[in-house]
């Protein structure tokens, strides 16, 4: 009968709408999560790159001082490294 068919179609439309809303919200949430993850990854990568760059610069400075004849103890003091670390970098 017409009333039951209309009720059925109304329920079906409601379920489809809910599914579409859920699907949309899931997609938006995933995209937002990916964006946040990408930004966080870039930030971490940038920080790590800066840290590595500073360490490489410090190592180069240590080797230059060593080649210039500065004592290992002085180099360690200036570079805030141990004498052993200085020796490892210069040998």
Protein backbone atom coordinates (compact mmCIF):
# COMPACT_ATOMS: atom_id res chain seq x y z
CA UNK A 1 0.00 0.00 0.00
CA UNK A 2 1.03 3.60 -0.60
CA UNK A 3 1.57 4.57 3.06
CA UNK A 4 3.97 1.67 3.73
CA UNK A 5 5.89 2.36 0.54
CA UNK A 6 6.25 6.02 1.51
CA UNK A 7 7.45 5.04 5.02
CA UNK A 8 9.92 2.59 3.49
CA UNK A 9 11.27 5.21 1.07
CA UNK A 10 11.52 7.76 3.88
CA UNK A 11 13.50 5.34 6.07
CA UNK A 12 15.68 4.38 3.12
CA UNK A 13 16.39 8.04 2.32
CA UNK A 14 17.19 8.69 5.99
CA UNK A 15 19.65 5.77 6.07
CA UNK A 16 21.29 6.87 2.83
CA UNK A 17 21.60 10.44 4.10
CA UNK A 18 23.17 9.23 7.35
CA UNK A 19 25.59 7.04 5.40
CA UNK A 20 26.52 9.98 3.16
CA UNK A 21 27.07 12.21 6.19
CA UNK A 22 29.24 9.61 7.85
CA UNK A 23 31.21 9.03 4.66
CA UNK A 24 31.72 12.78 4.23
CA UNK A 25 32.78 13.27 7.87
CA UNK A 26 35.20 10.35 7.60
CA UNK A 27 36.75 11.77 4.44
CA UNK A 28 37.08 15.25 5.95
CA UNK A 29 38.57 13.79 9.14
CA UNK A 30 41.07 11.72 7.18
CA UNK A 31 42.11 14.71 5.08
CA UNK A 32 42.53 16.85 8.18
CA UNK A 33 44.53 14.12 9.89
CA UNK A 34 46.78 13.75 6.87
CA UNK A 35 47.31 17.51 6.73
CA UNK A 36 48.20 17.67 10.41
CA UNK A 37 50.50 14.66 10.07
CA UNK A 38 52.23 16.16 7.06
CA UNK A 39 52.77 19.47 8.86
CA UNK A 40 54.11 17.70 11.94
CA UNK A 41 56.41 15.56 9.81
CA UNK A 42 57.74 18.61 7.99
CA UNK A 43 58.35 20.38 11.30
CA UNK A 44 60.19 17.40 12.74
CA UNK A 45 62.22 17.01 9.56
CA UNK A 46 63.15 20.68 9.55
CA UNK A 47 64.22 20.56 13.20
CA UNK A 48 66.25 17.40 12.61
CA UNK A 49 67.88 18.95 9.55
CA UNK A 50 68.81 22.06 11.50
CA UNK A 51 70.25 19.94 14.31
CA UNK A 52 72.31 17.87 11.88
CA UNK A 53 73.49 21.01 10.09
CA UNK A 54 74.63 22.58 13.34
CA UNK A 55 76.48 19.41 14.32
CA UNK A 56 78.17 19.23 10.92
CA UNK A 57 79.16 22.89 11.21
CA UNK A 58 80.56 22.31 14.68
CA UNK A 59 82.49 19.25 13.46
CA UNK A 60 83.95 21.26 10.61
CA UNK A 61 84.96 24.02 13.03
CA UNK A 62 86.62 21.46 15.32
CA UNK A 63 88.61 19.97 12.45
CA UNK A 64 89.67 23.42 11.27
CA UNK A 65 90.89 24.39 14.73
CA UNK A 66 92.75 21.09 15.04
CA UNK A 67 94.44 21.64 11.67
CA UNK A 68 95.38 25.15 12.81
CA UNK A 69 97.19 23.66 15.79
CA UNK A 70 94.74 24.48 18.57
CA UNK A 71 95.08 21.99 21.42
CA UNK A 72 92.48 19.27 21.85
CA UNK A 73 91.66 20.60 25.32
CA UNK A 74 91.03 24.12 24.01
CA UNK A 75 88.93 22.81 21.14
CA UNK A 76 86.88 20.69 23.55
CA UNK A 77 86.31 23.69 25.79
CA UNK A 78 85.32 26.00 22.94
CA UNK A 79 83.11 23.44 21.18
CA UNK A 80 81.59 22.12 24.41
CA UNK A 81 82.72 18.60 23.58
CA UNK A 82 84.86 16.11 25.42
CA UNK A 83 88.50 15.67 24.46
CA UNK A 84 87.61 12.15 23.34
CA UNK A 85 84.91 13.49 20.99
CA UNK A 86 87.41 15.96 19.56
CA UNK A 87 89.93 13.17 18.99
CA UNK A 88 87.32 11.03 17.21
CA UNK A 89 86.44 13.89 14.87
CA UNK A 90 90.04 14.77 14.10
CA UNK A 91 91.53 11.32 13.58
